[in-house]
Protein backbone atom coordinates (compact mmCIF):
# COMPACT_ATOMS: atom_id res chain seq x y z
CA MET A 1 -15.25 -8.98 13.65
CA THR A 2 -13.17 -10.20 10.71
CA GLU A 3 -9.60 -8.93 10.51
CA LEU A 4 -9.17 -6.73 7.44
CA TRP A 5 -6.04 -6.67 5.26
CA THR A 6 -5.04 -5.03 2.02
CA HIS A 7 -2.63 -6.53 -0.50
CA ALA A 8 -1.20 -4.88 -3.60
CA ILE A 9 1.27 -5.68 -6.35
CA PHE A 10 2.98 -2.65 -7.85
CA THR A 11 5.01 -2.72 -11.05
CA VAL A 12 6.97 0.53 -11.05
CA LYS A 13 8.20 2.38 -14.13
CA PRO A 14 11.91 1.60 -14.65
CA GLY A 15 14.18 4.08 -12.92
CA ARG A 16 11.41 5.28 -10.56
CA GLU A 17 11.82 2.56 -7.92
CA ASN A 18 13.40 4.74 -5.20
CA GLU A 19 10.89 7.52 -5.79
CA PHE A 20 8.05 5.00 -5.47
CA ALA A 21 9.46 3.46 -2.29
CA ASP A 22 9.91 6.90 -0.69
CA ALA A 23 6.34 7.95 -1.57
CA TRP A 24 4.88 4.64 -0.37
CA VAL A 25 6.76 4.85 2.93
CA ALA A 26 5.45 8.40 3.49
CA LEU A 27 1.89 7.13 3.03
CA ALA A 28 2.58 4.12 5.23
CA ARG A 29 3.87 6.32 8.06
CA ARG A 30 0.67 8.35 7.90
CA ALA A 31 -1.40 5.14 7.87
CA ARG A 32 0.41 3.95 11.02
CA GLU A 33 0.32 7.27 12.89
CA GLU A 34 -3.17 8.50 12.04
CA PHE A 35 -5.14 5.35 11.17
CA ALA A 36 -3.62 2.54 13.29
CA ALA A 37 -2.78 0.48 10.20
CA ALA A 38 0.20 -1.88 9.97
CA PRO A 39 1.61 -1.56 6.42
CA THR A 40 4.60 -3.45 5.04
CA LEU A 41 6.39 -3.06 1.70
CA LEU A 42 8.48 -5.81 0.10
CA ARG A 43 10.58 -5.72 -3.07
CA ASP A 44 11.03 -8.60 -5.48
CA ARG A 45 14.74 -9.55 -5.52
CA GLU A 46 14.63 -10.82 -9.11
CA HIS A 47 12.44 -7.99 -10.46
CA PRO A 48 13.50 -4.83 -8.57
CA ASN A 49 10.69 -2.75 -10.05
CA VAL A 50 8.03 -5.05 -8.51
CA PHE A 51 6.84 -4.29 -4.98
CA LEU A 52 4.34 -6.06 -2.72
CA GLY A 53 2.42 -3.99 -0.21
CA PHE A 54 0.24 -5.43 2.50
CA GLY A 55 -1.06 -4.62 5.93
CA SER A 56 -3.86 -4.88 8.42
CA TRP A 57 -6.50 -2.26 9.19
CA PRO A 58 -8.66 -1.80 12.27
CA ASP A 59 -11.84 -1.85 10.14
CA VAL A 60 -13.30 -0.96 6.75
CA ASP A 61 -14.30 2.56 7.79
CA THR A 62 -10.75 3.39 8.88
CA MET A 63 -9.33 2.08 5.61
CA GLN A 64 -11.83 4.14 3.62
CA ARG A 65 -11.07 7.28 5.68
CA PHE A 66 -7.36 6.79 4.95
CA ARG A 67 -8.02 6.39 1.23
CA SER A 68 -10.14 9.55 1.17
CA ALA A 69 -7.62 11.55 3.19
CA THR A 70 -4.70 10.50 0.96
CA ALA A 71 -6.38 10.50 -2.46
CA ASP A 72 -4.01 13.15 -3.86
CA SER A 73 -0.92 11.33 -2.60
CA GLY A 74 -2.26 8.05 -3.94
CA ALA A 75 -2.80 9.60 -7.37
CA ALA A 76 0.81 10.86 -7.36
CA LEU A 77 1.97 7.33 -6.47
CA ASP A 78 -0.06 5.93 -9.38
CA GLU A 79 1.92 8.14 -11.77
CA LEU A 80 5.03 6.10 -10.92
CA LEU A 81 3.44 2.79 -11.90
CA GLU A 82 3.27 0.73 -15.04
CA ARG A 83 0.46 -1.14 -13.30
CA GLY A 84 -0.91 -1.88 -9.89
CA GLU A 85 -3.45 -4.27 -8.46
CA ALA A 86 -4.92 -3.97 -4.98
CA ILE A 87 -7.37 -6.18 -3.13
CA VAL A 88 -9.03 -6.16 0.27
CA CYS A 89 -8.72 -9.44 2.15
CA GLU A 90 -10.06 -11.12 5.26
CA ARG A 91 -7.84 -13.31 7.43
CA VAL A 92 -8.73 -16.99 7.21
CA PHE A 93 -5.89 -18.63 9.16
CA PRO A 94 -4.40 -18.49 11.76
């Protein structure tokens, strides 16, 4: 089975950075506790309103269940963004 990862770049509305980080962390905790995901959030040092999110998932079905279960929270997170781009990846190396 191929290891599944998600990767996202979030550009947050100015002044909403802490609110975004708090909301993302709440979702990440749920992903860890209920869906065995391993999310990580990074912040760009030169552009403090740009965040990078990534993490591994046990499988596609688990990721989709998480997305369905947290659709309302995800929509609230989207309200804090100027833009966001997310992709699903497969590990190539190592």
